[in-house]
Amino acid sequence: MDTTPMYPHATAELAKRRAELAPEPLAAFKAFSKAVFAPGALDTKTKQLIAVAVAHVTQCPYCIKGHAEGASRAGATDAEIMEAIWVAAEMRAGGAYAHSNLALQALEGLHGHSHA
């Protein structure tokens, strides 16, 4: 049985390898990230809470961990972080509900009328 974790731990060795393979894009990404999370019209805490929610929608485990920690460091409470996660859950569910219109429209086109 393979016991290799699906998501490897972020290690210094992996970070070094990524940097060796593509140093310019990595530098650009780091600069972009720094600019995005700098205080602006939104404060850092708000930006990190948005990132927590988006990370749950994109389901990136590294982003979830990093931005939950970032939000906490920026002053977010555990309750605020959990509320952001619930916002993400609602948005994901809402997207599925809203997109049901596409399925219903396809079925209507297939059958020529709506089925009850």
PDB file of N, CA and C in Angstrom:
ATOM      1  N   MET A   1       0.850  -1.185   0.000  1.00  0.00           N
ATOM      2  CA  MET A   1       0.000   0.000   0.000  1.00  0.00           C
ATOM      3  C   MET A   1       0.892   1.244   0.000  1.00  0.00           C
ATOM      4  N   ASP A   2       0.592   2.166  -0.883  1.00  0.00           N
ATOM      5  CA  ASP A   2       1.359   3.410  -0.981  1.00  0.00           C
ATOM      6  C   ASP A   2       0.941   4.350   0.145  1.00  0.00           C
ATOM      7  N   THR A   3       1.888   4.758   0.957  1.00  0.00           N
ATOM      8  CA  THR A   3       1.597   5.656   2.075  1.00  0.00           C
ATOM      9  C   THR A   3       2.073   7.079   1.796  1.00  0.00           C
ATOM     10  N   THR A   4       2.425   7.350   0.549  1.00  0.00           N
ATOM     11  CA  THR A   4       2.853   8.689   0.172  1.00  0.00           C
ATOM     12  C   THR A   4       1.668   9.641   0.297  1.00  0.00           C
ATOM     13  N   PRO A   5       1.835  10.754   1.005  1.00  0.00           N
ATOM     14  CA  PRO A   5       0.708  11.691   1.119  1.00  0.00           C
ATOM     15  C   PRO A   5       0.369  12.307  -0.237  1.00  0.00           C
ATOM     16  N   MET A   6      -0.903  12.579  -0.451  1.00  0.00           N
ATOM     17  CA  MET A   6      -1.332  13.184  -1.712  1.00  0.00           C
ATOM     18  C   MET A   6      -0.698  14.557  -1.883  1.00  0.00           C
ATOM     19  N   TYR A   7      -0.641  15.318  -0.809  1.00  0.00           N
ATOM     20  CA  TYR A   7      -0.049  16.646  -0.840  1.00  0.00           C
ATOM     21  C   TYR A   7       1.243  16.619  -0.036  1.00  0.00           C
ATOM     22  N   PRO A   8       2.373  16.762  -0.709  1.00  0.00           N
ATOM     23  CA  PRO A   8       3.634  16.734   0.043  1.00  0.00           C
ATOM     24  C   PRO A   8       3.757  17.948   0.948  1.00  0.00           C
ATOM     25  N   HIS A   9       4.500  17.777   2.024  1.00  0.00           N
ATOM     26  CA  HIS A   9       4.776  18.904   2.909  1.00  0.00           C
ATOM     27  C   HIS A   9       5.621  19.911   2.143  1.00  0.00           C
ATOM     28  N   ALA A  10       5.319  21.172   2.354  1.00  0.00           N
ATOM     29  CA  ALA A  10       6.121  22.226   1.733  1.00  0.00           C
ATOM     30  C   ALA A  10       7.472  22.239   2.442  1.00  0.00           C
ATOM     31  N   THR A  11       8.508  21.931   1.717  1.00  0.00           N
ATOM     32  CA  THR A  11       9.838  21.869   2.314  1.00  0.00           C
ATOM     33  C   THR A  11      10.756  22.874   1.645  1.00  0.00           C
ATOM     34  N   ALA A  12      11.861  23.155   2.308  1.00  0.00           N
ATOM     35  CA  ALA A  12      12.868  24.048   1.732  1.00  0.00           C
ATOM     36  C   ALA A  12      13.426  23.465   0.439  1.00  0.00           C
ATOM     37  N   GLU A  13      13.543  22.151   0.387  1.00  0.00           N
ATOM     38  CA  GLU A  13      14.067  21.501  -0.814  1.00  0.00           C
ATOM     39  C   GLU A  13      13.133  21.699  -2.007  1.00  0.00           C
ATOM     40  N   LEU A  14      11.824  21.537  -1.780  1.00  0.00           N
ATOM     41  CA  LEU A  14      10.862  21.739  -2.864  1.00  0.00           C
ATOM     42  C   LEU A  14      10.838  23.205  -3.299  1.00  0.00           C
ATOM     43  N   ALA A  15      10.902  24.115  -2.353  1.00  0.00           N
ATOM     44  CA  ALA A  15      10.922  25.543  -2.689  1.00  0.00           C
ATOM     45  C   ALA A  15      12.164  25.881  -3.506  1.00  0.00           C
ATOM     46  N   LYS A  16      13.299  25.308  -3.129  1.00  0.00           N
ATOM     47  CA  LYS A  16      14.546  25.549  -3.861  1.00  0.00           C
ATOM     48  C   LYS A  16      14.437  25.013  -5.287  1.00  0.00           C
ATOM     49  N   ARG A  17      13.853  23.837  -5.432  1.00  0.00           N
ATOM     50  CA  ARG A  17      13.711  23.232  -6.758  1.00  0.00           C
ATOM     51  C   ARG A  17      12.803  24.074  -7.656  1.00  0.00           C
ATOM     52  N   ARG A  18      11.698  24.551  -7.102  1.00  0.00           N
ATOM     53  CA  ARG A  18      10.810  25.434  -7.876  1.00  0.00           C
ATOM     54  C   ARG A  18      11.552  26.678  -8.326  1.00  0.00           C
ATOM     55  N   ALA A  19      12.326  27.256  -7.423  1.00  0.00           N
ATOM     56  CA  ALA A  19      13.085  28.476  -7.745  1.00  0.00           C
ATOM     57  C   ALA A  19      14.124  28.199  -8.826  1.00  0.00           C
ATOM     58  N   GLU A  20      14.766  27.047  -8.761  1.00  0.00           N
ATOM     59  CA  GLU A  20      15.767  26.693  -9.772  1.00  0.00           C
ATOM     60  C   GLU A  20      15.134  26.499 -11.147  1.00  0.00           C
ATOM     61  N   LEU A  21      13.966  25.904 -11.171  1.00  0.00           N
ATOM     62  CA  LEU A  21      13.314  25.574 -12.438  1.00  0.00           C
ATOM     63  C   LEU A  21      12.710  26.789 -13.133  1.00  0.00           C
ATOM     64  N   ALA A  22      12.264  27.770 -12.361  1.00  0.00           N
ATOM     65  CA  ALA A  22      11.605  28.937 -12.963  1.00  0.00           C
ATOM     66  C   ALA A  22      11.791  30.163 -12.069  1.00  0.00           C
ATOM     67  N   PRO A  23      13.001  30.685 -11.976  1.00  0.00           N
ATOM     68  CA  PRO A  23      13.259  31.784 -11.043  1.00  0.00           C
ATOM     69  C   PRO A  23      12.526  33.085 -11.382  1.00  0.00           C
ATOM     70  N   GLU A  24      12.422  33.432 -12.649  1.00  0.00           N
ATOM     71  CA  GLU A  24      11.778  34.697 -13.005  1.00  0.00           C
ATOM     72  C   GLU A  24      10.273  34.686 -12.729  1.00  0.00           C
ATOM     73  N   PRO A  25       9.554  33.648 -13.147  1.00  0.00           N
ATOM     74  CA  PRO A  25       8.128  33.624 -12.802  1.00  0.00           C
ATOM     75  C   PRO A  25       7.897  33.602 -11.285  1.00  0.00           C
ATOM     76  N   LEU A  26       8.762  32.889 -10.557  1.00  0.00           N
ATOM     77  CA  LEU A  26       8.618  32.847  -9.099  1.00  0.00           C
ATOM     78  C   LEU A  26       8.795  34.234  -8.501  1.00  0.00           C
ATOM     79  N   ALA A  27       9.805  34.953  -8.945  1.00  0.00           N
ATOM     80  CA  ALA A  27      10.037  36.313  -8.437  1.00  0.00           C
ATOM     81  C   ALA A  27       8.851  37.217  -8.769  1.00  0.00           C
ATOM     82  N   ALA A  28       8.330  37.080  -9.980  1.00  0.00           N
ATOM     83  CA  ALA A  28       7.180  37.887 -10.384  1.00  0.00           C
ATOM     84  C   ALA A  28       5.952  37.538  -9.547  1.00  0.00           C
ATOM     85  N   PHE A  29       5.751  36.254  -9.295  1.00  0.00           N
ATOM     86  CA  PHE A  29       4.605  35.829  -8.487  1.00  0.00           C
ATOM     87  C   PHE A  29       4.714  36.371  -7.070  1.00  0.00           C
ATOM     88  N   LYS A  30       5.906  36.285  -6.489  1.00  0.00           N
ATOM     89  CA  LYS A  30       6.102  36.793  -5.131  1.00  0.00           C
ATOM     90  C   LYS A  30       5.846  38.296  -5.057  1.00  0.00           C
ATOM     91  N   ALA A  31       6.314  39.043  -6.053  1.00  0.00           N
ATOM     92  CA  ALA A  31       6.081  40.489  -6.085  1.00  0.00           C
ATOM     93  C   ALA A  31       4.590  40.790  -6.249  1.00  0.00           C
ATOM     94  N   PHE A  32       3.926  40.029  -7.110  1.00  0.00           N
ATOM     95  CA  PHE A  32       2.480  40.193  -7.318  1.00  0.00           C
ATOM     96  C   PHE A  32       1.726  39.926  -6.024  1.00  0.00           C
ATOM     97  N   SER A  33       2.060  38.831  -5.361  1.00  0.00           N
ATOM     98  CA  SER A  33       1.398  38.465  -4.114  1.00  0.00           C
ATOM     99  C   SER A  33       1.606  39.549  -3.052  1.00  0.00           C
ATOM    100  N   LYS A  34       2.823  40.043  -2.949  1.00  0.00           N
ATOM    101  CA  LYS A  34       3.122  41.098  -1.972  1.00  0.00           C
ATOM    102  C   LYS A  34       2.280  42.339  -2.252  1.00  0.00           C
ATOM    103  N   ALA A  35       2.167  42.712  -3.518  1.00  0.00           N
ATOM    104  CA  ALA A  35       1.379  43.887  -3.893  1.00  0.00           C
ATOM    105  C   ALA A  35      -0.104  43.668  -3.608  1.00  0.00           C
ATOM    106  N   VAL A  36      -0.614  42.488  -3.923  1.00  0.00           N
ATOM    107  CA  VAL A  36      -2.032  42.196  -3.724  1.00  0.00           C
ATOM    108  C   VAL A  36      -2.412  42.248  -2.252  1.00  0.00           C
ATOM    109  N   PHE A  37      -1.566  41.720  -1.391  1.00  0.00           N
ATOM    110  CA  PHE A  37      -1.908  41.640   0.031  1.00  0.00           C
ATOM    111  C   PHE A  37      -1.478  42.855   0.842  1.00  0.00           C
ATOM    112  N   ALA A  38      -0.854  43.822   0.206  1.00  0.00           N
ATOM    113  CA  ALA A  38      -0.501  45.058   0.904  1.00  0.00           C
ATOM    114  C   ALA A  38      -1.779  45.841   1.202  1.00  0.00           C
ATOM    115  N   PRO A  39      -1.808  46.563   2.313  1.00  0.00           N
ATOM    116  CA  PRO A  39      -2.995  47.378   2.607  1.00  0.00           C
ATOM    117  C   PRO A  39      -3.255  48.379   1.484  1.00  0.00           C
ATOM    118  N   GLY A  40      -4.505  48.530   1.147  1.00  0.00           N
ATOM    119  CA  GLY A  40      -4.923  49.467   0.114  1.00  0.00           C
ATOM    120  C   GLY A  40      -6.333  49.906   0.450  1.00  0.00           C
ATOM    121  N   ALA A  41      -7.235  49.837  -0.525  1.00  0.00           N
ATOM    122  CA  ALA A  41      -8.633  50.139  -0.258  1.00  0.00           C
ATOM    123  C   ALA A  41      -9.207  49.150   0.765  1.00  0.00           C
ATOM    124  N   LEU A  42      -8.651  47.934   0.763  1.00  0.00           N
ATOM    125  CA  LEU A  42      -8.994  46.922   1.773  1.00  0.00           C
ATOM    126  C   LEU A  42      -7.788  46.721   2.675  1.00  0.00           C
ATOM    127  N   ASP A  43      -8.048  46.519   3.951  1.00  0.00           N
ATOM    128  CA  ASP A  43      -6.930  46.249   4.856  1.00  0.00           C
ATOM    129  C   ASP A  43      -6.476  44.800   4.715  1.00  0.00           C
ATOM    130  N   THR A  44      -5.309  44.503   5.255  1.00  0.00           N
ATOM    131  CA  THR A  44      -4.721  43.171   5.117  1.00  0.00           C
ATOM    132  C   THR A  44      -5.612  42.085   5.703  1.00  0.00           C
ATOM    133  N   LYS A  45      -6.235  42.353   6.843  1.00  0.00           N
ATOM    134  CA  LYS A  45      -7.121  41.359   7.471  1.00  0.00           C
ATOM    135  C   LYS A  45      -8.257  40.989   6.519  1.00  0.00           C
ATOM    136  N   THR A  46      -8.893  41.983   5.914  1.00  0.00           N
ATOM    137  CA  THR A  46      -9.998  41.721   4.995  1.00  0.00           C
ATOM    138  C   THR A  46      -9.510  40.921   3.791  1.00  0.00           C
ATOM    139  N   LYS A  47      -8.362  41.296   3.258  1.00  0.00           N
ATOM    140  CA  LYS A  47      -7.807  40.577   2.111  1.00  0.00           C
ATOM    141  C   LYS A  47      -7.513  39.125   2.480  1.00  0.00           C
ATOM    142  N   GLN A  48      -6.992  38.898   3.667  1.00  0.00           N
ATOM    143  CA  GLN A  48      -6.702  37.524   4.086  1.00  0.00           C
ATOM    144  C   GLN A  48      -7.989  36.728   4.301  1.00  0.00           C
ATOM    145  N   LEU A  49      -9.028  37.367   4.804  1.00  0.00           N
ATOM    146  CA  LEU A  49     -10.306  36.665   4.966  1.00  0.00           C
ATOM    147  C   LEU A  49     -10.896  36.305   3.602  1.00  0.00           C
ATOM    148  N   ILE A  50     -10.770  37.196   2.636  1.00  0.00           N
ATOM    149  CA  ILE A  50     -11.203  36.880   1.266  1.00  0.00           C
ATOM    150  C   ILE A  50     -10.395  35.684   0.747  1.00  0.00           C
ATOM    151  N   ALA A  51      -9.093  35.704   0.999  1.00  0.00           N
ATOM    152  CA  ALA A  51      -8.227  34.608   0.541  1.00  0.00           C
ATOM    153  C   ALA A  51      -8.614  33.288   1.190  1.00  0.00           C
ATOM    154  N   VAL A  52      -8.978  33.315   2.468  1.00  0.00           N
ATOM    155  CA  VAL A  52      -9.425  32.088   3.145  1.00  0.00           C
ATOM    156  C   VAL A  52     -10.656  31.542   2.427  1.00  0.00           C
ATOM    157  N   ALA A  53     -11.612  32.412   2.132  1.00  0.00           N
ATOM    158  CA  ALA A  53     -12.835  31.968   1.464  1.00  0.00           C
ATOM    159  C   ALA A  53     -12.523  31.413   0.073  1.00  0.00           C
ATOM    160  N   VAL A  54     -11.741  32.137  -0.697  1.00  0.00           N
ATOM    161  CA  VAL A  54     -11.407  31.689  -2.054  1.00  0.00           C
ATOM    162  C   VAL A  54     -10.626  30.378  -2.010  1.00  0.00           C
ATOM    163  N   ALA A  55      -9.716  30.241  -1.055  1.00  0.00           N
ATOM    164  CA  ALA A  55      -8.935  29.012  -0.931  1.00  0.00           C
ATOM    165  C   ALA A  55      -9.843  27.804  -0.692  1.00  0.00           C
ATOM    166  N   HIS A  56     -10.941  28.020   0.032  1.00  0.00           N
ATOM    167  CA  HIS A  56     -11.877  26.919   0.251  1.00  0.00           C
ATOM    168  C   HIS A  56     -12.669  26.606  -1.015  1.00  0.00           C
ATOM    169  N   VAL A  57     -12.935  27.597  -1.835  1.00  0.00           N
ATOM    170  CA  VAL A  57     -13.630  27.355  -3.098  1.00  0.00           C
ATOM    171  C   VAL A  57     -12.695  26.645  -4.079  1.00  0.00           C
ATOM    172  N   THR A  58     -11.435  27.097  -4.145  1.00  0.00           N
ATOM    173  CA  THR A  58     -10.483  26.445  -5.053  1.00  0.00           C
ATOM    174  C   THR A  58      -9.952  25.148  -4.470  1.00  0.00           C
ATOM    175  N   GLN A  59     -10.171  24.938  -3.190  1.00  0.00           N
ATOM    176  CA  GLN A  59      -9.779  23.737  -2.456  1.00  0.00           C
ATOM    177  C   GLN A  59      -8.281  23.464  -2.511  1.00  0.00           C
ATOM    178  N   CYS A  60      -7.514  24.532  -2.335  1.00  0.00           N
ATOM    179  CA  CYS A  60      -6.055  24.399  -2.268  1.00  0.00           C
ATOM    180  C   CYS A  60      -5.650  24.242  -0.810  1.00  0.00           C
ATOM    181  N   PRO A  61      -5.187  23.064  -0.400  1.00  0.00           N
ATOM    182  CA  PRO A  61      -4.859  22.865   1.010  1.00  0.00           C
ATOM    183  C   PRO A  61      -3.730  23.773   1.500  1.00  0.00           C
ATOM    184  N   TYR A  62      -2.771  24.062   0.633  1.00  0.00           N
ATOM    185  CA  TYR A  62      -1.671  24.937   1.029  1.00  0.00           C
ATOM    186  C   TYR A  62      -2.193  26.364   1.252  1.00  0.00           C
ATOM    187  N   CYS A  63      -3.079  26.807   0.372  1.00  0.00           N
ATOM    188  CA  CYS A  63      -3.653  28.151   0.484  1.00  0.00           C
ATOM    189  C   CYS A  63      -4.552  28.253   1.715  1.00  0.00           C
ATOM    190  N   ILE A  64      -5.332  27.217   1.971  1.00  0.00           N
ATOM    191  CA  ILE A  64      -6.201  27.220   3.155  1.00  0.00           C
ATOM    192  C   ILE A  64      -5.358  27.415   4.402  1.00  0.00           C
ATOM    193  N   LYS A  65      -4.316  26.611   4.541  1.00  0.00           N
ATOM    194  CA  LYS A  65      -3.451  26.695   5.717  1.00  0.00           C
ATOM    195  C   LYS A  65      -2.755  28.055   5.787  1.00  0.00           C
ATOM    196  N   GLY A  66      -2.139  28.461   4.706  1.00  0.00           N
ATOM    197  CA  GLY A  66      -1.372  29.699   4.713  1.00  0.00           C
ATOM    198  C   GLY A  66      -2.223  30.931   4.954  1.00  0.00           C
ATOM    199  N   HIS A  67      -3.397  30.986   4.336  1.00  0.00           N
ATOM    200  CA  HIS A  67      -4.223  32.182   4.484  1.00  0.00           C
ATOM    201  C   HIS A  67      -5.030  32.175   5.782  1.00  0.00           C
ATOM    202  N   ALA A  68      -5.346  31.006   6.332  1.00  0.00           N
ATOM    203  CA  ALA A  68      -5.948  30.974   7.666  1.00  0.00           C
ATOM    204  C   ALA A  68      -4.941  31.532   8.681  1.00  0.00           C
ATOM    205  N   GLU A  69      -3.689  31.109   8.538  1.00  0.00           N
ATOM    206  CA  GLU A  69      -2.637  31.644   9.414  1.00  0.00           C
ATOM    207  C   GLU A  69      -2.433  33.138   9.160  1.00  0.00           C
ATOM    208  N   GLY A  70      -2.435  33.537   7.886  1.00  0.00           N
ATOM    209  CA  GLY A  70      -2.257  34.947   7.540  1.00  0.00           C
ATOM    210  C   GLY A  70      -3.381  35.809   8.079  1.00  0.00           C
ATOM    211  N   ALA A  71      -4.606  35.317   7.987  1.00  0.00           N
ATOM    212  CA  ALA A  71      -5.752  36.064   8.513  1.00  0.00           C
ATOM    213  C   ALA A  71      -5.637  36.217  10.029  1.00  0.00           C
ATOM    214  N   SER A  72      -5.254  35.145  10.685  1.00  0.00           N
ATOM    215  CA  SER A  72      -5.087  35.209  12.142  1.00  0.00           C
ATOM    216  C   SER A  72      -3.992  36.202  12.524  1.00  0.00           C
ATOM    217  N   ARG A  73      -2.871  36.141  11.821  1.00  0.00           N
ATOM    218  CA  ARG A  73      -1.777  37.088  12.097  1.00  0.00           C
ATOM    219  C   ARG A  73      -2.196  38.530  11.827  1.00  0.00           C
ATOM    220  N   ALA A  74      -3.127  38.721  10.877  1.00  0.00           N
ATOM    221  CA  ALA A  74      -3.598  40.067  10.540  1.00  0.00           C
ATOM    222  C   ALA A  74      -4.699  40.545  11.494  1.00  0.00           C
ATOM    223  N   GLY A  75      -5.038  39.719  12.488  1.00  0.00           N
ATOM    224  CA  GLY A  75      -5.998  40.137  13.505  1.00  0.00           C
ATOM    225  C   GLY A  75      -7.371  39.522  13.412  1.00  0.00           C
ATOM    226  N   ALA A  76      -7.600  38.617  12.459  1.00  0.00           N
ATOM    227  CA  ALA A  76      -8.908  37.966  12.353  1.00  0.00           C
ATOM    228  C   ALA A  76      -9.085  36.979  13.502  1.00  0.00           C
ATOM    229  N   THR A  77     -10.282  36.925  14.014  1.00  0.00           N
ATOM    230  CA  THR A  77     -10.588  35.950  15.062  1.00  0.00           C
ATOM    231  C   THR A  77     -10.905  34.606  14.415  1.00  0.00           C
ATOM    232  N   ASP A  78     -10.880  33.567  15.204  1.00  0.00           N
ATOM    233  CA  ASP A  78     -11.255  32.243  14.698  1.00  0.00           C
ATOM    234  C   ASP A  78     -12.681  32.277  14.159  1.00  0.00           C
ATOM    235  N   ALA A  79     -13.569  33.014  14.843  1.00  0.00           N
ATOM    236  CA  ALA A  79     -14.966  33.113  14.401  1.00  0.00           C
ATOM    237  C   ALA A  79     -15.058  33.824  13.054  1.00  0.00           C
ATOM    238  N   GLU A  80     -14.275  34.867  12.834  1.00  0.00           N
ATOM    239  CA  GLU A  80     -14.279  35.562  11.547  1.00  0.00           C
ATOM    240  C   GLU A  80     -13.777  34.649  10.435  1.00  0.00           C
ATOM    241  N   ILE A  81     -12.743  33.879  10.721  1.00  0.00           N
ATOM    242  CA  ILE A  81     -12.204  32.947   9.722  1.00  0.00           C
ATOM    243  C   ILE A  81     -13.248  31.891   9.382  1.00  0.00           C
ATOM    244  N   MET A  82     -13.918  31.346  10.390  1.00  0.00           N
ATOM    245  CA  MET A  82     -14.944  30.335  10.138  1.00  0.00           C
ATOM    246  C   MET A  82     -16.108  30.930   9.368  1.00  0.00           C
ATOM    247  N   GLU A  83     -16.468  32.170   9.666  1.00  0.00           N
ATOM    248  CA  GLU A  83     -17.555  32.817   8.928  1.00  0.00           C
ATOM    249  C   GLU A  83     -17.176  33.003   7.460  1.00  0.00           C
ATOM    250  N   ALA A  84     -15.932  33.346   7.191  1.00  0.00           N
ATOM    251  CA  ALA A  84     -15.464  33.466   5.806  1.00  0.00           C
ATOM    252  C   ALA A  84     -15.577  32.117   5.096  1.00  0.00           C
ATOM    253  N   ILE A  85     -15.274  31.041   5.803  1.00  0.00           N
ATOM    254  CA  ILE A  85     -15.393  29.699   5.230  1.00  0.00           C
ATOM    255  C   ILE A  85     -16.856  29.391   4.904  1.00  0.00           C
ATOM    256  N   TRP A  86     -17.765  29.784   5.783  1.00  0.00           N
ATOM    257  CA  TRP A  86     -19.187  29.570   5.515  1.00  0.00           C
ATOM    258  C   TRP A  86     -19.659  30.391   4.325  1.00  0.00           C
ATOM    259  N   VAL A  87     -19.122  31.594   4.154  1.00  0.00           N
ATOM    260  CA  VAL A  87     -19.453  32.391   2.971  1.00  0.00           C
ATOM    261  C   VAL A  87     -19.024  31.629   1.717  1.00  0.00           C
ATOM    262  N   ALA A  88     -17.816  31.058   1.757  1.00  0.00           N
ATOM    263  CA  ALA A  88     -17.331  30.277   0.618  1.00  0.00           C
ATOM    264  C   ALA A  88     -18.243  29.091   0.332  1.00  0.00           C
ATOM    265  N   ALA A  89     -18.673  28.408   1.388  1.00  0.00           N
ATOM    266  CA  ALA A  89     -19.547  27.243   1.216  1.00  0.00           C
ATOM    267  C   ALA A  89     -20.869  27.652   0.571  1.00  0.00           C
ATOM    268  N   GLU A  90     -21.418  28.780   1.001  1.00  0.00           N
ATOM    269  CA  GLU A  90     -22.679  29.247   0.428  1.00  0.00           C
ATOM    270  C   GLU A  90     -22.505  29.629  -1.035  1.00  0.00           C
ATOM    271  N   MET A  91     -21.399  30.298  -1.340  1.00  0.00           N
ATOM    272  CA  MET A  91     -21.154  30.710  -2.719  1.00  0.00           C
ATOM    273  C   MET A  91     -20.987  29.501  -3.634  1.00  0.00           C
ATOM    274  N   ARG A  92     -20.318  28.481  -3.142  1.00  0.00           N
ATOM    275  CA  ARG A  92     -20.137  27.271  -3.942  1.00  0.00           C
ATOM    276  C   ARG A  92     -21.462  26.564  -4.169  1.00  0.00           C
ATOM    277  N   ALA A  93     -22.256  26.469  -3.111  1.00  0.00           N
ATOM    278  CA  ALA A  93     -23.582  25.856  -3.238  1.00  0.00           C
ATOM    279  C   ALA A  93     -24.475  26.711  -4.131  1.00  0.00           C
ATOM    280  N   GLY A  94     -24.392  28.024  -3.961  1.00  0.00           N
ATOM    281  CA  GLY A  94     -25.197  28.928  -4.776  1.00  0.00           C
ATOM    282  C   GLY A  94     -24.853  28.821  -6.247  1.00  0.00           C
ATOM    283  N   GLY A  95     -23.586  28.633  -6.551  1.00  0.00           N
ATOM    284  CA  GLY A  95     -23.167  28.466  -7.937  1.00  0.00           C
ATOM    285  C   GLY A  95     -23.779  27.223  -8.558  1.00  0.00           C
ATOM    286  N   ALA A  96     -23.797  26.132  -7.811  1.00  0.00           N
ATOM    287  CA  ALA A  96     -24.394  24.897  -8.315  1.00  0.00           C
ATOM    288  C   ALA A  96     -25.890  25.088  -8.546  1.00  0.00           C
ATOM    289  N   TYR A  97     -26.546  25.747  -7.604  1.00  0.00           N
ATOM    290  CA  TYR A  97     -27.986  26.005  -7.741  1.00  0.00           C
ATOM    291  C   TYR A  97     -28.258  26.879  -8.959  1.00  0.00           C
ATOM    292  N   ALA A  98     -27.494  27.968  -9.095  1.00  0.00           N
ATOM    293  CA  ALA A  98     -27.705  28.887 -10.218  1.00  0.00           C
ATOM    294  C   ALA A  98     -27.446  28.199 -11.557  1.00  0.00           C
ATOM    295  N   HIS A  99     -26.442  27.348 -11.613  1.00  0.00           N
ATOM    296  CA  HIS A  99     -26.118  26.672 -12.863  1.00  0.00           C
ATOM    297  C   HIS A  99     -27.124  25.577 -13.222  1.00  0.00           C
ATOM    298  N   SER A 100     -28.011  25.233 -12.301  1.00  0.00           N
ATOM    299  CA  SER A 100     -29.054  24.265 -12.640  1.00  0.00           C
ATOM    300  C   SER A 100     -29.906  24.786 -13.791  1.00  0.00           C
ATOM    301  N   ASN A 101     -29.929  26.112 -13.973  1.00  0.00           N
ATOM    302  CA  ASN A 101     -30.653  26.684 -15.118  1.00  0.00           C
ATOM    303  C   ASN A 101     -30.130  26.122 -16.438  1.00  0.00           C
ATOM    304  N   LEU A 102     -28.815  25.900 -16.522  1.00  0.00           N
ATOM    305  CA  LEU A 102     -28.237  25.341 -17.749  1.00  0.00           C
ATOM    306  C   LEU A 102     -28.748  23.931 -18.001  1.00  0.00           C
ATOM    307  N   ALA A 103     -28.790  23.121 -16.952  1.00  0.00           N
ATOM    308  CA  ALA A 103     -29.288  21.752 -17.095  1.00  0.00           C
ATOM    309  C   ALA A 103     -30.765  21.758 -17.473  1.00  0.00           C
ATOM    310  N   LEU A 104     -31.536  22.609 -16.810  1.00  0.00           N
ATOM    311  CA  LEU A 104     -32.964  22.673 -17.117  1.00  0.00           C
ATOM    312  C   LEU A 104     -33.211  23.142 -18.552  1.00  0.00           C
ATOM    313  N   GLN A 105     -32.423  24.119 -18.999  1.00  0.00           N
ATOM    314  CA  GLN A 105     -32.547  24.610 -20.369  1.00  0.00           C
ATOM    315  C   GLN A 105     -32.182  23.502 -21.374  1.00  0.00           C
ATOM    316  N   ALA A 106     -31.125  22.746 -21.082  1.00  0.00           N
ATOM    317  CA  ALA A 106     -30.724  21.646 -21.957  1.00  0.00           C
ATOM    318  C   ALA A 106     -31.817  20.581 -22.023  1.00  0.00           C
ATOM    319  N   LEU A 107     -32.392  20.246 -20.876  1.00  0.00           N
ATOM    320  CA  LEU A 107     -33.458  19.247 -20.852  1.00  0.00           C
ATOM    321  C   LEU A 107     -34.689  19.730 -21.606  1.00  0.00           C
ATOM    322  N   GLU A 108     -34.993  21.012 -21.443  1.00  0.00           N
ATOM    323  CA  GLU A 108     -36.127  21.587 -22.164  1.00  0.00           C
ATOM    324  C   GLU A 108     -35.895  21.491 -23.671  1.00  0.00           C
ATOM    325  N   GLY A 109     -34.663  21.806 -24.104  1.00  0.00           N
ATOM    326  CA  GLY A 109     -34.335  21.708 -25.523  1.00  0.00           C
ATOM    327  C   GLY A 109     -34.389  20.275 -26.022  1.00  0.00           C
ATOM    328  N   LEU A 110     -33.952  19.329 -25.187  1.00  0.00           N
ATOM    329  CA  LEU A 110     -33.942  17.923 -25.561  1.00  0.00           C
ATOM    330  C   LEU A 110     -35.354  17.362 -25.677  1.00  0.00           C
ATOM    331  N   HIS A 111     -36.194  17.719 -24.718  1.00  0.00           N
ATOM    332  CA  HIS A 111     -37.544  17.153 -24.666  1.00  0.00           C
ATOM    333  C   HIS A 111     -38.591  18.052 -25.323  1.00  0.00           C
ATOM    334  N   GLY A 112     -38.239  19.273 -25.638  1.00  0.00           N
ATOM    335  CA  GLY A 112     -39.181  20.189 -26.274  1.00  0.00           C
ATOM    336  C   GLY A 112     -40.167  20.803 -25.304  1.00  0.00           C
ATOM    337  N   HIS A 113     -40.111  20.409 -24.077  1.00  0.00           N
ATOM    338  CA  HIS A 113     -40.985  20.980 -23.043  1.00  0.00           C
ATOM    339  C   HIS A 113     -40.357  20.675 -21.690  1.00  0.00           C
ATOM    340  N   SER A 114     -40.880  21.283 -20.678  1.00  0.00           N
ATOM    341  CA  SER A 114     -40.340  21.003 -19.345  1.00  0.00           C
ATOM    342  C   SER A 114     -41.014  19.775 -18.770  1.00  0.00           C
ATOM    343  N   HIS A 115     -40.242  18.957 -18.078  1.00  0.00           N
ATOM    344  CA  HIS A 115     -40.765  17.759 -17.397  1.00  0.00           C
ATOM    345  C   HIS A 115     -40.979  18.052 -15.940  1.00  0.00           C
ATOM    346  N   ALA A 116     -42.043  17.555 -15.437  1.00  0.00           N
ATOM    347  CA  ALA A 116     -42.327  17.711 -14.004  1.00  0.00           C
ATOM    348  C   ALA A 116     -41.831  16.500 -13.264  1.00  0.00           C
TER     349      ALA A 116
END
